[in-house]
C-alpha atoms as a PDB file:
ATOM      1  CA  MET A   1       0.000   0.000   0.000  1.00  0.00           C
ATOM      2  CA  SER A   2       1.358   3.445  -0.901  1.00  0.00           C
ATOM      3  CA  ARG A   3       1.947   6.171   1.647  1.00  0.00           C
ATOM      4  CA  TYR A   4      -0.940   8.543   2.408  1.00  0.00           C
ATOM      5  CA  VAL A   5      -0.375  11.929   0.730  1.00  0.00           C
ATOM      6  CA  GLY A   6      -3.663  13.678   1.596  1.00  0.00           C
ATOM      7  CA  PRO A   7      -4.259  16.312   4.304  1.00  0.00           C
ATOM      8  CA  SER A   8      -2.524  15.254   7.525  1.00  0.00           C
ATOM      9  CA  CYS A   9      -5.146  16.850   9.758  1.00  0.00           C
ATOM     10  CA  ARG A  10      -7.840  14.704   8.166  1.00  0.00           C
ATOM     11  CA  GLN A  11      -6.184  11.657   9.702  1.00  0.00           C
ATOM     12  CA  CYS A  12      -6.265  13.245  13.151  1.00  0.00           C
ATOM     13  CA  ARG A  13      -9.934  14.065  12.763  1.00  0.00           C
ATOM     14  CA  ARG A  14     -10.680  10.515  11.615  1.00  0.00           C
ATOM     15  CA  GLU A  15      -9.078   9.126  14.771  1.00  0.00           C
ATOM     16  CA  GLN A  16     -10.639  11.960  16.815  1.00  0.00           C
ATOM     17  CA  THR A  17      -7.368  12.662  18.593  1.00  0.00           C
ATOM     18  CA  LYS A  18      -4.225  14.645  17.944  1.00  0.00           C
ATOM     19  CA  LEU A  19      -1.563  12.574  16.191  1.00  0.00           C
ATOM     20  CA  PHE A  20       0.837  15.538  16.081  1.00  0.00           C
ATOM     21  CA  LEU A  21       1.491  15.243  12.355  1.00  0.00           C
ATOM     22  CA  LYS A  22       1.868  18.970  11.666  1.00  0.00           C
ATOM     23  CA  GLY A  23       4.423  19.985  14.257  1.00  0.00           C
ATOM     24  CA  THR A  24       3.747  23.313  15.967  1.00  0.00           C
ATOM     25  CA  LYS A  25       0.335  23.749  14.331  1.00  0.00           C
ATOM     26  CA  CYS A  26      -1.015  20.925  16.483  1.00  0.00           C
ATOM     27  CA  LEU A  27      -0.444  23.035  19.585  1.00  0.00           C
ATOM     28  CA  THR A  28      -2.280  26.128  18.365  1.00  0.00           C
ATOM     29  CA  GLU A  29      -5.911  27.146  18.018  1.00  0.00           C
ATOM     30  CA  LYS A  30      -5.604  26.462  14.280  1.00  0.00           C
ATOM     31  CA  CYS A  31      -5.576  22.714  14.898  1.00  0.00           C
ATOM     32  CA  PRO A  32      -8.594  21.232  13.034  1.00  0.00           C
ATOM     33  CA  VAL A  33      -9.164  18.704  15.816  1.00  0.00           C
ATOM     34  CA  GLU A  34      -9.888  21.616  18.136  1.00  0.00           C
ATOM     35  CA  ARG A  35     -12.004  23.523  15.614  1.00  0.00           C
ATOM     36  CA  ARG A  36     -13.915  20.571  14.153  1.00  0.00           C
ATOM     37  CA  ALA A  37     -14.051  17.814  16.725  1.00  0.00           C
ATOM     38  CA  TYR A  38     -15.853  15.317  14.511  1.00  0.00           C
ATOM     39  CA  ALA A  39     -14.873  12.830  11.833  1.00  0.00           C
ATOM     40  CA  PRO A  40     -14.293  14.122   8.280  1.00  0.00           C
ATOM     41  CA  GLY A  41     -16.650  13.343   5.424  1.00  0.00           C
ATOM     42  CA  GLN A  42     -20.302  13.772   4.540  1.00  0.00           C
ATOM     43  CA  HIS A  43     -21.599  12.132   7.713  1.00  0.00           C
ATOM     44  CA  GLY A  44     -18.862  13.284  10.063  1.00  0.00           C
ATOM     45  CA  GLN A  45     -21.082  15.433  12.255  1.00  0.00           C
ATOM     46  CA  SER A  46     -24.201  13.292  12.220  1.00  0.00           C
ATOM     47  CA  GLY A  47     -22.631   9.844  12.155  1.00  0.00           C
ATOM     48  CA  GLY A  48     -25.142   8.860   9.483  1.00  0.00           C
ATOM     49  CA  GLY A  49     -28.115   9.768  11.682  1.00  0.00           C
ATOM     50  CA  ARG A  50     -27.977   6.576  13.738  1.00  0.00           C
ATOM     51  CA  PRO A  51     -25.879   5.683  16.766  1.00  0.00           C
ATOM     52  CA  ARG A  52     -23.391   2.972  15.938  1.00  0.00           C
ATOM     53  CA  LYS A  53     -22.349   0.161  18.206  1.00  0.00           C
ATOM     54  CA  THR A  54     -18.578  -0.260  18.020  1.00  0.00           C
ATOM     55  CA  SER A  55     -17.463  -3.870  17.739  1.00  0.00           C
ATOM     56  CA  GLU A  56     -14.278  -5.216  19.304  1.00  0.00           C
ATOM     57  CA  TYR A  57     -12.794  -5.613  15.830  1.00  0.00           C
ATOM     58  CA  ALA A  58     -13.553  -1.968  15.039  1.00  0.00           C
ATOM     59  CA  LYS A  59     -11.829  -0.834  18.235  1.00  0.00           C
ATOM     60  CA  GLN A  60      -8.766  -2.925  17.419  1.00  0.00           C
ATOM     61  CA  LEU A  61      -8.654  -1.657  13.845  1.00  0.00           C
ATOM     62  CA  ARG A  62      -8.982   1.988  14.869  1.00  0.00           C
ATOM     63  CA  GLU A  63      -6.178   1.624  17.413  1.00  0.00           C
ATOM     64  CA  LYS A  64      -3.909   0.086  14.779  1.00  0.00           C
ATOM     65  CA  GLN A  65      -4.743   2.837  12.314  1.00  0.00           C
ATOM     66  CA  LYS A  66      -4.115   5.501  14.938  1.00  0.00           C
ATOM     67  CA  VAL A  67      -0.646   4.252  15.865  1.00  0.00           C
ATOM     68  CA  LYS A  68       0.305   3.565  12.249  1.00  0.00           C
ATOM     69  CA  ARG A  69      -0.690   7.086  11.241  1.00  0.00           C
ATOM     70  CA  MET A  70       1.044   8.581  14.245  1.00  0.00           C
ATOM     71  CA  TYR A  71       4.377   7.156  13.096  1.00  0.00           C
ATOM     72  CA  GLY A  72       3.588   7.866   9.441  1.00  0.00           C
ATOM     73  CA  ILE A  73       4.362   4.438   8.032  1.00  0.00           C
ATOM     74  CA  THR A  74       2.633   2.171   5.552  1.00  0.00           C
ATOM     75  CA  GLU A  75       0.551  -0.893   6.384  1.00  0.00           C
ATOM     76  CA  ARG A  76       3.309  -3.199   5.156  1.00  0.00           C
ATOM     77  CA  GLN A  77       5.953  -1.433   7.241  1.00  0.00           C
ATOM     78  CA  PHE A  78       3.727  -1.590  10.311  1.00  0.00           C
ATOM     79  CA  ARG A  79       2.964  -5.285   9.875  1.00  0.00           C
ATOM     80  CA  ASN A  80       6.630  -6.105   9.213  1.00  0.00           C
ATOM     81  CA  THR A  81       7.561  -4.258  12.394  1.00  0.00           C
ATOM     82  CA  PHE A  82       5.023  -6.264  14.365  1.00  0.00           C
ATOM     83  CA  ASP A  83       6.200  -9.543  12.842  1.00  0.00           C
ATOM     84  CA  GLY A  84       9.786  -8.600  13.649  1.00  0.00           C
ATOM     85  CA  VAL A  85       9.107  -8.318  17.391  1.00  0.00           C
ATOM     86  CA  THR A  86       6.793 -11.341  17.659  1.00  0.00           C
ATOM     87  CA  HIS A  87       9.545 -13.676  18.839  1.00  0.00           C
ATOM     88  CA  GLU A  88      11.205 -11.217  21.230  1.00  0.00           C
ATOM     89  CA  THR A  89      10.893 -11.776  24.947  1.00  0.00           C
ATOM     90  CA  GLY A  90       8.629  -9.429  26.858  1.00  0.00           C
ATOM     91  CA  VAL A  91       5.243  -7.892  26.133  1.00  0.00           C
ATOM     92  CA  LYS A  92       4.456  -7.850  22.413  1.00  0.00           C
ATOM     93  CA  GLY A  93       2.654  -4.530  22.472  1.00  0.00           C
ATOM     94  CA  THR A  94       5.505  -2.818  24.302  1.00  0.00           C
ATOM     95  CA  ASN A  95       8.067  -4.389  21.972  1.00  0.00           C
ATOM     96  CA  LEU A  96       6.116  -3.021  19.005  1.00  0.00           C
ATOM     97  CA  LEU A  97       6.158   0.525  20.375  1.00  0.00           C
ATOM     98  CA  VAL A  98       9.854   0.266  21.239  1.00  0.00           C
ATOM     99  CA  ALA A  99      10.631  -0.824  17.675  1.00  0.00           C
ATOM    100  CA  LEU A 100       8.641   2.111  16.291  1.00  0.00           C
ATOM    101  CA  GLU A 101      10.321   4.539  18.675  1.00  0.00           C
ATOM    102  CA  SER A 102      13.743   3.228  17.619  1.00  0.00           C
ATOM    103  CA  ARG A 103      13.251   4.238  13.978  1.00  0.00           C
ATOM    104  CA  LEU A 104      15.681   6.953  12.912  1.00  0.00           C
ATOM    105  CA  ASP A 105      12.906   9.307  11.767  1.00  0.00           C
ATOM    106  CA  ASN A 106      11.283   9.101  15.195  1.00  0.00           C
ATOM    107  CA  ILE A 107      14.607   9.622  16.982  1.00  0.00           C
ATOM    108  CA  VAL A 108      15.376  12.737  14.927  1.00  0.00           C
ATOM    109  CA  HIS A 109      11.924  14.082  15.797  1.00  0.00           C
ATOM    110  CA  ARG A 110      12.203  13.192  19.494  1.00  0.00           C
ATOM    111  CA  MET A 111      15.585  14.937  19.690  1.00  0.00           C
ATOM    112  CA  GLY A 112      13.978  18.132  18.440  1.00  0.00           C
ATOM    113  CA  PHE A 113      15.737  18.369  15.078  1.00  0.00           C
ATOM    114  CA  ALA A 114      12.463  18.178  13.136  1.00  0.00           C
ATOM    115  CA  PRO A 115       8.954  19.383  14.073  1.00  0.00           C
ATOM    116  CA  SER A 116       7.303  16.127  12.966  1.00  0.00           C
ATOM    117  CA  ARG A 117       8.215  12.610  11.871  1.00  0.00           C
ATOM    118  CA  LYS A 118       7.323  13.532   8.297  1.00  0.00           C
ATOM    119  CA  ALA A 119       9.789  16.422   8.390  1.00  0.00           C
ATOM    120  CA  ALA A 120      12.378  14.109   9.959  1.00  0.00           C
ATOM    121  CA  ARG A 121      11.986  11.628   7.094  1.00  0.00           C
ATOM    122  CA  GLN A 122      12.641  14.422   4.628  1.00  0.00           C
ATOM    123  CA  LEU A 123      15.816  15.468   6.452  1.00  0.00           C
ATOM    124  CA  ILE A 124      17.063  11.898   6.498  1.00  0.00           C
ATOM    125  CA  SER A 125      16.193  11.141   2.870  1.00  0.00           C
ATOM    126  CA  HIS A 126      18.038  14.285   1.758  1.00  0.00           C
ATOM    127  CA  GLY A 127      21.218  13.179   3.518  1.00  0.00           C
ATOM    128  CA  HIS A 128      21.224  15.636   6.418  1.00  0.00           C
ATOM    129  CA  VAL A 129      21.542  13.053   9.221  1.00  0.00           C
ATOM    130  CA  ASP A 130      24.548  11.028  10.402  1.00  0.00           C
ATOM    131  CA  VAL A 131      24.590   7.997  12.702  1.00  0.00           C
ATOM    132  CA  ASN A 132      27.910   7.358  14.427  1.00  0.00           C
ATOM    133  CA  GLY A 133      29.583   9.703  11.954  1.00  0.00           C
ATOM    134  CA  ARG A 134      28.226   8.024   8.815  1.00  0.00           C
ATOM    135  CA  ARG A 135      25.463   9.386   6.627  1.00  0.00           C
ATOM    136  CA  VAL A 136      22.221   7.402   6.806  1.00  0.00           C
ATOM    137  CA  ASP A 137      19.413   8.194   4.371  1.00  0.00           C
ATOM    138  CA  ILE A 138      16.994   5.443   5.400  1.00  0.00           C
ATOM    139  CA  PRO A 139      14.215   6.734   7.721  1.00  0.00           C
ATOM    140  CA  SER A 140      13.422   3.217   8.976  1.00  0.00           C
ATOM    141  CA  PHE A 141      17.025   2.652  10.146  1.00  0.00           C
ATOM    142  CA  HIS A 142      16.929   1.013  13.581  1.00  0.00           C
ATOM    143  CA  VAL A 143      18.851   2.981  16.206  1.00  0.00           C
ATOM    144  CA  VAL A 144      20.259   1.015  19.144  1.00  0.00           C
ATOM    145  CA  PRO A 145      21.436   2.239  22.559  1.00  0.00           C
ATOM    146  CA  GLY A 146      24.832   3.905  22.422  1.00  0.00           C
ATOM    147  CA  GLN A 147      24.571   5.197  18.869  1.00  0.00           C
ATOM    148  CA  GLU A 148      24.969   8.913  18.211  1.00  0.00           C
ATOM    149  CA  VAL A 149      22.503  10.660  15.900  1.00  0.00           C
ATOM    150  CA  ARG A 150      23.395  14.107  14.646  1.00  0.00           C
ATOM    151  CA  ILE A 151      22.567  16.615  11.975  1.00  0.00           C
ATOM    152  CA  ALA A 152      25.407  16.704   9.442  1.00  0.00           C
ATOM    153  CA  PRO A 153      27.748  19.671  10.152  1.00  0.00           C
ATOM    154  CA  ALA A 154      26.934  21.316   6.821  1.00  0.00           C
ATOM    155  CA  SER A 155      23.190  21.136   7.592  1.00  0.00           C
ATOM    156  CA  ARG A 156      23.070  22.495  11.142  1.00  0.00           C
ATOM    157  CA  GLU A 157      22.155  25.997  10.051  1.00  0.00           C
ATOM    158  CA  LEU A 158      19.149  24.923   8.006  1.00  0.00           C
ATOM    159  CA  VAL A 159      16.193  27.145   8.870  1.00  0.00           C
ATOM    160  CA  ALA A 160      13.937  24.137   9.450  1.00  0.00           C
ATOM    161  CA  VAL A 161      16.408  22.554  11.873  1.00  0.00           C
ATOM    162  CA  ARG A 162      16.944  25.773  13.838  1.00  0.00           C
ATOM    163  CA  ALA A 163      13.212  26.460  14.061  1.00  0.00           C
ATOM    164  CA  ALA A 164      12.554  22.909  15.295  1.00  0.00           C
ATOM    165  CA  GLN A 165      15.279  23.232  17.941  1.00  0.00           C
ATOM    166  CA  GLU A 166      13.907  26.524  19.203  1.00  0.00           C
ATOM    167  CA  PHE A 167      10.451  25.011  19.592  1.00  0.00           C
ATOM    168  CA  ALA A 168      11.765  21.799  21.184  1.00  0.00           C
ATOM    169  CA  ALA A 169      13.697  23.825  23.763  1.00  0.00           C
ATOM    170  CA  ARG A 170      10.363  24.710  25.389  1.00  0.00           C
ATOM    171  CA  GLY A 171       9.708  21.084  26.331  1.00  0.00           C
ATOM    172  CA  GLN A 172      11.536  18.228  27.983  1.00  0.00           C
ATOM    173  CA  PRO A 173      13.206  15.462  25.915  1.00  0.00           C
ATOM    174  CA  VAL A 174      12.362  11.857  26.720  1.00  0.00           C
ATOM    175  CA  ALA A 175      14.542  10.326  29.437  1.00  0.00           C
ATOM    176  CA  TRP A 176      16.107   7.664  27.222  1.00  0.00           C
ATOM    177  CA  LEU A 177      17.681  10.212  24.863  1.00  0.00           C
ATOM    178  CA  SER A 178      20.443  12.714  25.577  1.00  0.00           C
ATOM    179  CA  VAL A 179      20.590  15.809  23.371  1.00  0.00           C
ATOM    180  CA  ASP A 180      23.273  18.426  22.804  1.00  0.00           C
ATOM    181  CA  SER A 181      21.428  21.219  21.027  1.00  0.00           C
ATOM    182  CA  ASP A 182      24.587  23.249  20.379  1.00  0.00           C
ATOM    183  CA  LYS A 183      26.102  20.389  18.394  1.00  0.00           C
ATOM    184  CA  ALA A 184      22.731  19.274  16.947  1.00  0.00           C
ATOM    185  CA  ALA A 185      23.541  15.789  18.182  1.00  0.00           C
ATOM    186  CA  GLY A 186      22.135  13.249  20.574  1.00  0.00           C
ATOM    187  CA  ARG A 187      22.497   9.706  21.749  1.00  0.00           C
ATOM    188  CA  MET A 188      20.102   6.882  22.534  1.00  0.00           C
ATOM    189  CA  LEU A 189      20.949   5.973  26.124  1.00  0.00           C
ATOM    190  CA  GLU A 190      18.841   2.874  26.608  1.00  0.00           C
ATOM    191  CA  ARG A 191      15.930   0.880  25.304  1.00  0.00           C
ATOM    192  CA  PRO A 192      12.816   2.816  26.363  1.00  0.00           C
ATOM    193  CA  THR A 193      10.283   1.349  28.761  1.00  0.00           C
ATOM    194  CA  ARG A 194       6.557   1.654  28.070  1.00  0.00           C
ATOM    195  CA  GLU A 195       6.243   4.352  30.720  1.00  0.00           C
ATOM    196  CA  ALA A 196       8.921   6.418  28.951  1.00  0.00           C
ATOM    197  CA  ILE A 197       7.128   6.403  25.581  1.00  0.00           C
ATOM    198  CA  PRO A 198       4.839   9.455  25.592  1.00  0.00           C
ATOM    199  CA  ILE A 199       2.015   8.321  23.349  1.00  0.00           C
ATOM    200  CA  ASN A 200      -1.606   7.562  24.178  1.00  0.00           C
ATOM    201  CA  ALA A 201      -2.129   4.080  22.758  1.00  0.00           C
ATOM    202  CA  GLN A 202      -3.713   0.782  23.738  1.00  0.00           C
ATOM    203  CA  GLU A 203      -1.159  -1.427  22.041  1.00  0.00           C
ATOM    204  CA  GLN A 204      -2.730  -4.624  23.365  1.00  0.00           C
ATOM    205  CA  LEU A 205      -5.644  -4.061  20.968  1.00  0.00           C
ATOM    206  CA  ILE A 206      -3.178  -4.137  18.065  1.00  0.00           C
ATOM    207  CA  VAL A 207      -1.721  -7.404  19.320  1.00  0.00           C
ATOM    208  CA  GLU A 208      -5.225  -8.869  19.515  1.00  0.00           C
ATOM    209  CA  LEU A 209      -5.998  -7.675  15.980  1.00  0.00           C
ATOM    210  CA  TYR A 210      -2.908  -9.264  14.460  1.00  0.00           C
ATOM    211  CA  SER A 211      -3.333 -12.442  16.509  1.00  0.00           C
ATOM    212  CA  LYS A 212      -6.666 -13.361  14.902  1.00  0.00           C
END
């Protein structure tokens, strides 16, 4: 399945929650989820005129769609990620989120070098990101504890990078990443725990969906 290229905010409205796909816009009054808190489409406000009973399958599917859209990956990438952690020890749902959080595009975003994962993928694809001193242009690259991720020296003054850093400075980075804003570099300190992953998700529903 190809990657979704339509309006990002439409996905947030469909899931009826903020997926933070548009960077700083998601935190302003311009956010469509705040202005139009109903699903997109012809029957978004009315729900078709009849109350709908949500089945367990529908709940599982919506949760999978929400998390997949949050990380901005395709159905195949999401399923491959799930299959890749199936045989790991531990809780499957947590292992899935850890694998998604360990993607290079997510790490670049978490470190504050890009306002969204989509913007991070663009930086990486254009060759602006190094891992342990070597250029990596694959957004799905799996970062492991101890590796250094940095913006290439020639790219540190990019307007988009500087703007993202200024905005990120207002918040607190996740505990499992260390960031040196002056050098536009950071390091993954450890494998994150579920409590250290700041997303609102019921990952067990995804496990149940894929276990059918």
